[in-house]
């Protein structure tokens, strides 16, 4: 099990915006694409994962307990910001800190 499958801090800390072409049926979608029902329109060229701008944030696609066991319910179709995120990003350390989790060991 990867550290990401026991963490989920990024999904409960960060806003996730992406181009509508990554939605289901879109020209740049992976797998089946992000389900439209899991997003909110921001502009004509930006959609946002529901829940990521809530207070506190939590992506609608996230299942499980932060810091315990989590999973993305649309992992194969997740949008580009999620695909590009990495445990080596400084944002990962900030998200973990924000969720009360210890830093990852280098």
PDB file of N, CA and C in Angstrom:
ATOM      1  N   UNK A   1       0.853  -1.173   0.000  1.00  0.00           N
ATOM      2  CA  UNK A   1       0.000   0.000   0.000  1.00  0.00           C
ATOM      3  C   UNK A   1       0.902   1.240   0.000  1.00  0.00           C
ATOM      4  N   UNK A   2       0.645   2.161  -0.905  1.00  0.00           N
ATOM      5  CA  UNK A   2       1.462   3.371  -0.983  1.00  0.00           C
ATOM      6  C   UNK A   2       1.077   4.348   0.113  1.00  0.00           C
ATOM      7  N   UNK A   3       1.977   5.263   0.405  1.00  0.00           N
ATOM      8  CA  UNK A   3       1.715   6.283   1.419  1.00  0.00           C
ATOM      9  C   UNK A   3       0.479   7.102   1.042  1.00  0.00           C
ATOM     10  N   UNK A   4       0.241   7.299  -0.235  1.00  0.00           N
ATOM     11  CA  UNK A   4      -0.928   8.067  -0.673  1.00  0.00           C
ATOM     12  C   UNK A   4      -2.234   7.357  -0.317  1.00  0.00           C
ATOM     13  N   UNK A   5      -2.222   6.046  -0.252  1.00  0.00           N
ATOM     14  CA  UNK A   5      -3.424   5.279   0.079  1.00  0.00           C
ATOM     15  C   UNK A   5      -3.715   5.278   1.576  1.00  0.00           C
ATOM     16  N   UNK A   6      -2.796   5.818   2.372  1.00  0.00           N
ATOM     17  CA  UNK A   6      -3.038   5.954   3.796  1.00  0.00           C
ATOM     18  C   UNK A   6      -3.072   7.414   4.212  1.00  0.00           C
ATOM     19  N   UNK A   7      -2.928   8.317   3.285  1.00  0.00           N
ATOM     20  CA  UNK A   7      -2.832   9.737   3.605  1.00  0.00           C
ATOM     21  C   UNK A   7      -4.111  10.480   3.222  1.00  0.00           C
ATOM     22  N   UNK A   8      -4.201  10.921   1.964  1.00  0.00           N
ATOM     23  CA  UNK A   8      -5.362  11.660   1.485  1.00  0.00           C
ATOM     24  C   UNK A   8      -5.349  13.133   1.821  1.00  0.00           C
ATOM     25  N   UNK A   9      -4.264  13.617   2.409  1.00  0.00           N
ATOM     26  CA  UNK A   9      -4.204  15.019   2.826  1.00  0.00           C
ATOM     27  C   UNK A   9      -4.369  15.982   1.655  1.00  0.00           C
ATOM     28  N   UNK A  10      -3.811  15.650   0.516  1.00  0.00           N
ATOM     29  CA  UNK A  10      -3.942  16.552  -0.638  1.00  0.00           C
ATOM     30  C   UNK A  10      -5.408  16.698  -1.036  1.00  0.00           C
ATOM     31  N   UNK A  11      -6.164  15.627  -0.937  1.00  0.00           N
ATOM     32  CA  UNK A  11      -7.582  15.633  -1.311  1.00  0.00           C
ATOM     33  C   UNK A  11      -8.447  16.372  -0.296  1.00  0.00           C
ATOM     34  N   UNK A  12      -7.875  16.641   0.870  1.00  0.00           N
ATOM     35  CA  UNK A  12      -8.605  17.325   1.927  1.00  0.00           C
ATOM     36  C   UNK A  12      -7.963  18.662   2.268  1.00  0.00           C
ATOM     37  N   UNK A  13      -7.176  19.202   1.335  1.00  0.00           N
ATOM     38  CA  UNK A  13      -6.493  20.465   1.598  1.00  0.00           C
ATOM     39  C   UNK A  13      -6.438  21.394   0.395  1.00  0.00           C
ATOM     40  N   UNK A  14      -6.489  20.848  -0.797  1.00  0.00           N
ATOM     41  CA  UNK A  14      -6.199  21.648  -1.992  1.00  0.00           C
ATOM     42  C   UNK A  14      -7.398  21.784  -2.915  1.00  0.00           C
ATOM     43  N   UNK A  15      -7.506  22.933  -3.555  1.00  0.00           N
ATOM     44  CA  UNK A  15      -8.525  23.153  -4.585  1.00  0.00           C
ATOM     45  C   UNK A  15      -8.038  22.480  -5.861  1.00  0.00           C
ATOM     46  N   UNK A  16      -8.938  21.809  -6.564  1.00  0.00           N
ATOM     47  CA  UNK A  16      -8.574  21.090  -7.784  1.00  0.00           C
ATOM     48  C   UNK A  16      -9.361  21.665  -8.963  1.00  0.00           C
ATOM     49  N   UNK A  17      -8.674  22.486  -9.755  1.00  0.00           N
ATOM     50  CA  UNK A  17      -9.247  23.102 -10.948  1.00  0.00           C
ATOM     51  C   UNK A  17      -8.591  22.494 -12.188  1.00  0.00           C
ATOM     52  N   UNK A  18      -9.385  22.327 -13.249  1.00  0.00           N
ATOM     53  CA  UNK A  18      -8.841  21.761 -14.480  1.00  0.00           C
ATOM     54  C   UNK A  18      -9.732  22.138 -15.655  1.00  0.00           C
ATOM     55  N   UNK A  19      -9.278  21.835 -16.852  1.00  0.00           N
ATOM     56  CA  UNK A  19      -9.995  22.178 -18.081  1.00  0.00           C
ATOM     57  C   UNK A  19     -11.153  21.196 -18.304  1.00  0.00           C
ATOM     58  N   UNK A  20     -12.289  21.693 -18.777  1.00  0.00           N
ATOM     59  CA  UNK A  20     -13.435  20.815 -19.037  1.00  0.00           C
ATOM     60  C   UNK A  20     -13.168  19.692 -20.040  1.00  0.00           C
ATOM     61  N   UNK A  21     -12.121  19.791 -20.826  1.00  0.00           N
ATOM     62  CA  UNK A  21     -11.795  18.720 -21.780  1.00  0.00           C
ATOM     63  C   UNK A  21     -11.448  17.415 -21.067  1.00  0.00           C
ATOM     64  N   UNK A  22     -11.208  17.471 -19.748  1.00  0.00           N
ATOM     65  CA  UNK A  22     -10.902  16.273 -18.969  1.00  0.00           C
ATOM     66  C   UNK A  22     -12.159  15.620 -18.395  1.00  0.00           C
ATOM     67  N   UNK A  23     -13.308  16.232 -18.630  1.00  0.00           N
ATOM     68  CA  UNK A  23     -14.572  15.658 -18.164  1.00  0.00           C
ATOM     69  C   UNK A  23     -14.937  14.430 -18.995  1.00  0.00           C
ATOM     70  N   UNK A  24     -15.848  13.636 -18.496  1.00  0.00           N
ATOM     71  CA  UNK A  24     -16.320  12.456 -19.221  1.00  0.00           C
ATOM     72  C   UNK A  24     -16.702  12.844 -20.638  1.00  0.00           C
ATOM     73  N   UNK A  25     -16.172  12.131 -21.616  1.00  0.00           N
ATOM     74  CA  UNK A  25     -16.449  12.411 -23.018  1.00  0.00           C
ATOM     75  C   UNK A  25     -15.571  13.501 -23.611  1.00  0.00           C
ATOM     76  N   UNK A  26     -14.722  14.107 -22.783  1.00  0.00           N
ATOM     77  CA  UNK A  26     -13.869  15.192 -23.259  1.00  0.00           C
ATOM     78  C   UNK A  26     -12.697  14.691 -24.084  1.00  0.00           C
ATOM     79  N   UNK A  27     -12.162  15.580 -24.893  1.00  0.00           N
ATOM     80  CA  UNK A  27     -11.067  15.235 -25.800  1.00  0.00           C
ATOM     81  C   UNK A  27      -9.792  14.825 -25.073  1.00  0.00           C
ATOM     82  N   UNK A  28      -9.600  15.293 -23.835  1.00  0.00           N
ATOM     83  CA  UNK A  28      -8.365  15.003 -23.109  1.00  0.00           C
ATOM     84  C   UNK A  28      -8.626  14.224 -21.820  1.00  0.00           C
ATOM     85  N   UNK A  29      -9.691  13.472 -21.791  1.00  0.00           N
ATOM     86  CA  UNK A  29     -10.047  12.704 -20.602  1.00  0.00           C
ATOM     87  C   UNK A  29      -9.253  11.405 -20.549  1.00  0.00           C
ATOM     88  N   UNK A  30      -8.882  11.002 -19.348  1.00  0.00           N
ATOM     89  CA  UNK A  30      -8.282   9.695 -19.133  1.00  0.00           C
ATOM     90  C   UNK A  30      -9.410   8.739 -18.789  1.00  0.00           C
ATOM     91  N   UNK A  31      -9.255   7.503 -19.154  1.00  0.00           N
ATOM     92  CA  UNK A  31     -10.270   6.473 -18.883  1.00  0.00           C
ATOM     93  C   UNK A  31     -11.635   7.010 -19.314  1.00  0.00           C
ATOM     94  N   UNK A  32     -12.591   7.045 -18.407  1.00  0.00           N
ATOM     95  CA  UNK A  32     -13.933   7.532 -18.735  1.00  0.00           C
ATOM     96  C   UNK A  32     -14.075   9.036 -18.523  1.00  0.00           C
ATOM     97  N   UNK A  33     -13.046   9.684 -18.010  1.00  0.00           N
ATOM     98  CA  UNK A  33     -13.109  11.118 -17.717  1.00  0.00           C
ATOM     99  C   UNK A  33     -13.740  11.381 -16.364  1.00  0.00           C
ATOM    100  N   UNK A  34     -13.541  12.591 -15.876  1.00  0.00           N
ATOM    101  CA  UNK A  34     -14.102  12.992 -14.582  1.00  0.00           C
ATOM    102  C   UNK A  34     -15.612  13.160 -14.748  1.00  0.00           C
ATOM    103  N   UNK A  35     -16.411  12.505 -13.909  1.00  0.00           N
ATOM    104  CA  UNK A  35     -17.866  12.656 -14.011  1.00  0.00           C
ATOM    105  C   UNK A  35     -18.293  14.112 -13.786  1.00  0.00           C
ATOM    106  N   UNK A  36     -19.124  14.615 -14.665  1.00  0.00           N
ATOM    107  CA  UNK A  36     -19.608  15.987 -14.575  1.00  0.00           C
ATOM    108  C   UNK A  36     -20.237  16.264 -13.213  1.00  0.00           C
ATOM    109  N   UNK A  37     -20.958  15.306 -12.661  1.00  0.00           N
ATOM    110  CA  UNK A  37     -21.641  15.484 -11.375  1.00  0.00           C
ATOM    111  C   UNK A  37     -20.673  15.719 -10.215  1.00  0.00           C
ATOM    112  N   UNK A  38     -19.392  15.382 -10.413  1.00  0.00           N
ATOM    113  CA  UNK A  38     -18.399  15.593  -9.358  1.00  0.00           C
ATOM    114  C   UNK A  38     -17.698  16.938  -9.482  1.00  0.00           C
ATOM    115  N   UNK A  39     -18.170  17.779 -10.399  1.00  0.00           N
ATOM    116  CA  UNK A  39     -17.499  19.052 -10.635  1.00  0.00           C
ATOM    117  C   UNK A  39     -18.463  20.225 -10.524  1.00  0.00           C
ATOM    118  N   UNK A  40     -17.860  21.392 -10.422  1.00  0.00           N
ATOM    119  CA  UNK A  40     -18.591  22.657 -10.459  1.00  0.00           C
ATOM    120  C   UNK A  40     -17.970  23.523 -11.535  1.00  0.00           C
ATOM    121  N   UNK A  41     -18.771  24.235 -12.330  1.00  0.00           N
ATOM    122  CA  UNK A  41     -18.193  25.140 -13.308  1.00  0.00           C
ATOM    123  C   UNK A  41     -17.619  26.369 -12.597  1.00  0.00           C
ATOM    124  N   UNK A  42     -16.460  26.813 -13.044  1.00  0.00           N
ATOM    125  CA  UNK A  42     -15.845  28.029 -12.500  1.00  0.00           C
ATOM    126  C   UNK A  42     -15.896  29.116 -13.563  1.00  0.00           C
ATOM    127  N   UNK A  43     -15.378  28.796 -14.750  1.00  0.00           N
ATOM    128  CA  UNK A  43     -15.457  29.663 -15.930  1.00  0.00           C
ATOM    129  C   UNK A  43     -15.705  28.749 -17.122  1.00  0.00           C
ATOM    130  N   UNK A  44     -15.735  29.329 -18.315  1.00  0.00           N
ATOM    131  CA  UNK A  44     -15.918  28.511 -19.514  1.00  0.00           C
ATOM    132  C   UNK A  44     -14.746  27.551 -19.731  1.00  0.00           C
ATOM    133  N   UNK A  45     -13.588  27.872 -19.151  1.00  0.00           N
ATOM    134  CA  UNK A  45     -12.401  27.046 -19.363  1.00  0.00           C
ATOM    135  C   UNK A  45     -11.875  26.379 -18.100  1.00  0.00           C
ATOM    136  N   UNK A  46     -12.638  26.457 -17.013  1.00  0.00           N
ATOM    137  CA  UNK A  46     -12.192  25.845 -15.752  1.00  0.00           C
ATOM    138  C   UNK A  46     -13.379  25.214 -15.035  1.00  0.00           C
ATOM    139  N   UNK A  47     -13.170  23.980 -14.586  1.00  0.00           N
ATOM    140  CA  UNK A  47     -14.111  23.314 -13.690  1.00  0.00           C
ATOM    141  C   UNK A  47     -13.337  22.938 -12.430  1.00  0.00           C
ATOM    142  N   UNK A  48     -14.061  22.675 -11.370  1.00  0.00           N
ATOM    143  CA  UNK A  48     -13.441  22.374 -10.075  1.00  0.00           C
ATOM    144  C   UNK A  48     -14.077  21.121  -9.499  1.00  0.00           C
ATOM    145  N   UNK A  49     -13.264  20.301  -8.883  1.00  0.00           N
ATOM    146  CA  UNK A  49     -13.793  19.133  -8.181  1.00  0.00           C
ATOM    147  C   UNK A  49     -14.648  19.612  -7.016  1.00  0.00           C
ATOM    148  N   UNK A  50     -15.860  19.077  -6.920  1.00  0.00           N
ATOM    149  CA  UNK A  50     -16.764  19.434  -5.815  1.00  0.00           C
ATOM    150  C   UNK A  50     -16.086  19.114  -4.477  1.00  0.00           C
ATOM    151  N   UNK A  51     -16.299  19.999  -3.549  1.00  0.00           N
ATOM    152  CA  UNK A  51     -15.773  19.811  -2.205  1.00  0.00           C
ATOM    153  C   UNK A  51     -14.403  20.397  -1.976  1.00  0.00           C
ATOM    154  N   UNK A  52     -13.648  20.660  -3.039  1.00  0.00           N
ATOM    155  CA  UNK A  52     -12.280  21.143  -2.836  1.00  0.00           C
ATOM    156  C   UNK A  52     -12.217  22.624  -2.483  1.00  0.00           C
ATOM    157  N   UNK A  53     -13.334  23.330  -2.595  1.00  0.00           N
ATOM    158  CA  UNK A  53     -13.334  24.722  -2.138  1.00  0.00           C
ATOM    159  C   UNK A  53     -14.253  24.904  -0.927  1.00  0.00           C
ATOM    160  N   UNK A  54     -14.616  23.800  -0.295  1.00  0.00           N
ATOM    161  CA  UNK A  54     -15.435  23.839   0.920  1.00  0.00           C
ATOM    162  C   UNK A  54     -14.547  24.213   2.107  1.00  0.00           C
ATOM    163  N   UNK A  55     -15.168  24.459   3.237  1.00  0.00           N
ATOM    164  CA  UNK A  55     -14.421  24.747   4.459  1.00  0.00           C
ATOM    165  C   UNK A  55     -14.873  23.767   5.533  1.00  0.00           C
ATOM    166  N   UNK A  56     -14.086  22.777   5.876  1.00  0.00           N
ATOM    167  CA  UNK A  56     -12.791  22.429   5.304  1.00  0.00           C
ATOM    168  C   UNK A  56     -12.955  21.703   3.968  1.00  0.00           C
ATOM    169  N   UNK A  57     -11.933  21.789   3.124  1.00  0.00           N
ATOM    170  CA  UNK A  57     -12.024  21.130   1.821  1.00  0.00           C
ATOM    171  C   UNK A  57     -11.946  19.612   1.935  1.00  0.00           C
ATOM    172  N   UNK A  58     -12.627  18.955   1.019  1.00  0.00           N
ATOM    173  CA  UNK A  58     -12.526  17.496   0.884  1.00  0.00           C
ATOM    174  C   UNK A  58     -13.121  17.134  -0.467  1.00  0.00           C
ATOM    175  N   UNK A  59     -12.320  16.562  -1.323  1.00  0.00           N
ATOM    176  CA  UNK A  59     -12.759  16.190  -2.655  1.00  0.00           C
ATOM    177  C   UNK A  59     -13.875  15.163  -2.576  1.00  0.00           C
ATOM    178  N   UNK A  60     -14.881  15.358  -3.390  1.00  0.00           N
ATOM    179  CA  UNK A  60     -16.034  14.462  -3.429  1.00  0.00           C
ATOM    180  C   UNK A  60     -15.637  13.043  -3.855  1.00  0.00           C
ATOM    181  N   UNK A  61     -14.537  12.907  -4.556  1.00  0.00           N
ATOM    182  CA  UNK A  61     -14.098  11.585  -5.028  1.00  0.00           C
ATOM    183  C   UNK A  61     -13.307  10.808  -3.972  1.00  0.00           C
ATOM    184  N   UNK A  62     -12.987  11.445  -2.857  1.00  0.00           N
ATOM    185  CA  UNK A  62     -12.191  10.787  -1.823  1.00  0.00           C
ATOM    186  C   UNK A  62     -13.078   9.958  -0.897  1.00  0.00           C
ATOM    187  N   UNK A  63     -12.683   8.727  -0.677  1.00  0.00           N
ATOM    188  CA  UNK A  63     -13.343   7.822   0.262  1.00  0.00           C
ATOM    189  C   UNK A  63     -12.361   7.455   1.355  1.00  0.00           C
ATOM    190  N   UNK A  64     -12.841   7.338   2.572  1.00  0.00           N
ATOM    191  CA  UNK A  64     -12.001   6.854   3.657  1.00  0.00           C
ATOM    192  C   UNK A  64     -11.636   7.923   4.660  1.00  0.00           C
ATOM    193  N   UNK A  65     -10.710   7.547   5.543  1.00  0.00           N
ATOM    194  CA  UNK A  65     -10.289   8.394   6.649  1.00  0.00           C
ATOM    195  C   UNK A  65      -8.890   8.957   6.375  1.00  0.00           C
ATOM    196  N   UNK A  66      -8.775  10.275   6.424  1.00  0.00           N
ATOM    197  CA  UNK A  66      -7.481  10.937   6.218  1.00  0.00           C
ATOM    198  C   UNK A  66      -6.481  10.386   7.232  1.00  0.00           C
ATOM    199  N   UNK A  67      -5.329   9.994   6.741  1.00  0.00           N
ATOM    200  CA  UNK A  67      -4.290   9.454   7.611  1.00  0.00           C
ATOM    201  C   UNK A  67      -4.491   8.001   7.984  1.00  0.00           C
ATOM    202  N   UNK A  68      -5.569   7.385   7.529  1.00  0.00           N
ATOM    203  CA  UNK A  68      -5.848   5.976   7.836  1.00  0.00           C
ATOM    204  C   UNK A  68      -5.793   5.139   6.586  1.00  0.00           C
ATOM    205  N   UNK A  69      -6.904   5.097   5.887  1.00  0.00           N
ATOM    206  CA  UNK A  69      -6.992   4.378   4.613  1.00  0.00           C
ATOM    207  C   UNK A  69      -7.930   5.176   3.722  1.00  0.00           C
ATOM    208  N   UNK A  70      -7.437   5.584   2.578  1.00  0.00           N
ATOM    209  CA  UNK A  70      -8.228   6.380   1.650  1.00  0.00           C
ATOM    210  C   UNK A  70      -8.094   5.826   0.238  1.00  0.00           C
ATOM    211  N   UNK A  71      -9.029   6.245  -0.609  1.00  0.00           N
ATOM    212  CA  UNK A  71      -8.909   5.904  -2.021  1.00  0.00           C
ATOM    213  C   UNK A  71      -9.675   6.936  -2.825  1.00  0.00           C
ATOM    214  N   UNK A  72      -9.207   7.148  -4.038  1.00  0.00           N
ATOM    215  CA  UNK A  72      -9.894   8.010  -4.989  1.00  0.00           C
ATOM    216  C   UNK A  72     -10.863   7.130  -5.769  1.00  0.00           C
ATOM    217  N   UNK A  73     -12.144   7.495  -5.737  1.00  0.00           N
ATOM    218  CA  UNK A  73     -13.149   6.677  -6.408  1.00  0.00           C
ATOM    219  C   UNK A  73     -13.097   6.811  -7.926  1.00  0.00           C
ATOM    220  N   UNK A  74     -12.351   7.792  -8.437  1.00  0.00           N
ATOM    221  CA  UNK A  74     -12.201   7.962  -9.889  1.00  0.00           C
ATOM    222  C   UNK A  74     -10.725   7.950 -10.282  1.00  0.00           C
ATOM    223  N   UNK A  75      -9.922   7.178  -9.578  1.00  0.00           N
ATOM    224  CA  UNK A  75      -8.474   7.202  -9.755  1.00  0.00           C
ATOM    225  C   UNK A  75      -8.036   7.118 -11.221  1.00  0.00           C
ATOM    226  N   UNK A  76      -8.553   6.196 -11.978  1.00  0.00           N
ATOM    227  CA  UNK A  76      -8.132   6.044 -13.372  1.00  0.00           C
ATOM    228  C   UNK A  76      -8.540   7.235 -14.241  1.00  0.00           C
ATOM    229  N   UNK A  77      -9.555   7.956 -13.824  1.00  0.00           N
ATOM    230  CA  UNK A  77     -10.057   9.101 -14.594  1.00  0.00           C
ATOM    231  C   UNK A  77      -9.733  10.434 -13.924  1.00  0.00           C
ATOM    232  N   UNK A  78      -8.931  10.422 -12.859  1.00  0.00           N
ATOM    233  CA  UNK A  78      -8.656  11.646 -12.106  1.00  0.00           C
ATOM    234  C   UNK A  78      -8.080  12.739 -13.018  1.00  0.00           C
ATOM    235  N   UNK A  79      -8.322  14.013 -12.667  1.00  0.00           N
ATOM    236  CA  UNK A  79      -7.865  15.114 -13.515  1.00  0.00           C
ATOM    237  C   UNK A  79      -6.358  15.352 -13.402  1.00  0.00           C
ATOM    238  N   UNK A  80      -5.843  16.134 -14.330  1.00  0.00           N
ATOM    239  CA  UNK A  80      -4.403  16.381 -14.423  1.00  0.00           C
ATOM    240  C   UNK A  80      -3.765  16.931 -13.149  1.00  0.00           C
ATOM    241  N   UNK A  81      -4.389  17.854 -12.385  1.00  0.00           N
ATOM    242  CA  UNK A  81      -3.707  18.312 -11.167  1.00  0.00           C
ATOM    243  C   UNK A  81      -3.429  17.161 -10.195  1.00  0.00           C
ATOM    244  N   UNK A  82      -4.321  16.197 -10.142  1.00  0.00           N
ATOM    245  CA  UNK A  82      -4.133  15.044  -9.264  1.00  0.00           C
ATOM    246  C   UNK A  82      -3.049  14.122  -9.815  1.00  0.00           C
ATOM    247  N   UNK A  83      -3.011  13.963 -11.119  1.00  0.00           N
ATOM    248  CA  UNK A  83      -1.995  13.121 -11.754  1.00  0.00           C
ATOM    249  C   UNK A  83      -0.598  13.699 -11.577  1.00  0.00           C
ATOM    250  N   UNK A  84      -0.505  15.023 -11.578  1.00  0.00           N
ATOM    251  CA  UNK A  84       0.789  15.698 -11.495  1.00  0.00           C
ATOM    252  C   UNK A  84       1.287  15.856 -10.066  1.00  0.00           C
ATOM    253  N   UNK A  85       0.400  15.711  -9.089  1.00  0.00           N
ATOM    254  CA  UNK A  85       0.780  15.894  -7.690  1.00  0.00           C
ATOM    255  C   UNK A  85       1.694  14.765  -7.263  1.00  0.00           C
ATOM    256  N   UNK A  86       2.660  15.078  -6.420  1.00  0.00           N
ATOM    257  CA  UNK A  86       3.659  14.099  -6.021  1.00  0.00           C
ATOM    258  C   UNK A  86       4.034  14.323  -4.565  1.00  0.00           C
ATOM    259  N   UNK A  87       4.422  13.273  -3.881  1.00  0.00           N
ATOM    260  CA  UNK A  87       4.827  13.405  -2.481  1.00  0.00           C
ATOM    261  C   UNK A  87       6.066  14.282  -2.319  1.00  0.00           C
ATOM    262  N   UNK A  88       6.784  14.526  -3.405  1.00  0.00           N
ATOM    263  CA  UNK A  88       7.964  15.391  -3.333  1.00  0.00           C
ATOM    264  C   UNK A  88       7.610  16.869  -3.450  1.00  0.00           C
ATOM    265  N   UNK A  89       6.372  17.197  -3.808  1.00  0.00           N
ATOM    266  CA  UNK A  89       5.929  18.591  -3.872  1.00  0.00           C
ATOM    267  C   UNK A  89       5.903  19.171  -2.467  1.00  0.00           C
ATOM    268  N   UNK A  90       6.286  20.433  -2.343  1.00  0.00           N
ATOM    269  CA  UNK A  90       6.174  21.127  -1.059  1.00  0.00           C
ATOM    270  C   UNK A  90       4.713  21.180  -0.619  1.00  0.00           C
ATOM    271  N   UNK A  91       3.796  21.194  -1.588  1.00  0.00           N
ATOM    272  CA  UNK A  91       2.365  21.227  -1.267  1.00  0.00           C
ATOM    273  C   UNK A  91       1.933  19.967  -0.526  1.00  0.00           C
ATOM    274  N   UNK A  92       2.603  18.863  -0.745  1.00  0.00           N
ATOM    275  CA  UNK A  92       2.286  17.624  -0.033  1.00  0.00           C
ATOM    276  C   UNK A  92       2.592  17.813   1.451  1.00  0.00           C
ATOM    277  N   UNK A  93       3.757  18.345   1.755  1.00  0.00           N
ATOM    278  CA  UNK A  93       4.131  18.576   3.150  1.00  0.00           C
ATOM    279  C   UNK A  93       3.161  19.551   3.815  1.00  0.00           C
ATOM    280  N   UNK A  94       2.772  20.600   3.096  1.00  0.00           N
ATOM    281  CA  UNK A  94       1.815  21.571   3.656  1.00  0.00           C
ATOM    282  C   UNK A  94       0.454  20.920   3.907  1.00  0.00           C
ATOM    283  N   UNK A  95       0.004  20.111   2.968  1.00  0.00           N
ATOM    284  CA  UNK A  95      -1.288  19.441   3.122  1.00  0.00           C
ATOM    285  C   UNK A  95      -1.261  18.485   4.313  1.00  0.00           C
ATOM    286  N   UNK A  96      -0.191  17.730   4.444  1.00  0.00           N
ATOM    287  CA  UNK A  96      -0.066  16.805   5.577  1.00  0.00           C
ATOM    288  C   UNK A  96      -0.072  17.573   6.893  1.00  0.00           C
ATOM    289  N   UNK A  97       0.664  18.669   6.942  1.00  0.00           N
ATOM    290  CA  UNK A  97       0.712  19.495   8.153  1.00  0.00           C
ATOM    291  C   UNK A  97      -0.685  20.047   8.475  1.00  0.00           C
ATOM    292  N   UNK A  98      -1.378  20.522   7.453  1.00  0.00           N
ATOM    293  CA  UNK A  98      -2.717  21.083   7.628  1.00  0.00           C
ATOM    294  C   UNK A  98      -3.694  20.044   8.170  1.00  0.00           C
ATOM    295  N   UNK A  99      -3.491  18.791   7.810  1.00  0.00           N
ATOM    296  CA  UNK A  99      -4.375  17.711   8.268  1.00  0.00           C
ATOM    297  C   UNK A  99      -3.875  17.063   9.565  1.00  0.00           C
ATOM    298  N   UNK A 100      -2.814  17.609  10.144  1.00  0.00           N
ATOM    299  CA  UNK A 100      -2.288  17.087  11.409  1.00  0.00           C
ATOM    300  C   UNK A 100      -1.481  15.811  11.261  1.00  0.00           C
ATOM    301  N   UNK A 101      -0.953  15.569  10.060  1.00  0.00           N
ATOM    302  CA  UNK A 101      -0.134  14.376   9.827  1.00  0.00           C
ATOM    303  C   UNK A 101       1.337  14.724   9.871  1.00  0.00           C
ATOM    304  N   UNK A 102       2.186  13.806  10.306  1.00  0.00           N
ATOM    305  CA  UNK A 102       3.618  14.088  10.353  1.00  0.00           C
ATOM    306  C   UNK A 102       4.207  14.153   8.952  1.00  0.00           C
ATOM    307  N   UNK A 103       5.352  14.831   8.814  1.00  0.00           N
ATOM    308  CA  UNK A 103       5.989  14.877   7.488  1.00  0.00           C
ATOM    309  C   UNK A 103       6.465  13.488   7.073  1.00  0.00           C
ATOM    310  N   UNK A 104       6.563  13.300   5.761  1.00  0.00           N
ATOM    311  CA  UNK A 104       7.101  12.038   5.252  1.00  0.00           C
ATOM    312  C   UNK A 104       8.609  12.025   5.446  1.00  0.00           C
ATOM    313  N   UNK A 105       9.147  10.878   5.704  1.00  0.00           N
ATOM    314  CA  UNK A 105      10.594  10.748   5.860  1.00  0.00           C
ATOM    315  C   UNK A 105      11.245  10.802   4.497  1.00  0.00           C
ATOM    316  N   UNK A 106      12.351  11.491   4.398  1.00  0.00           N
ATOM    317  CA  UNK A 106      13.061  11.632   3.129  1.00  0.00           C
ATOM    318  C   UNK A 106      13.807  10.385   2.775  1.00  0.00           C
TER     319      UNK A 106
END
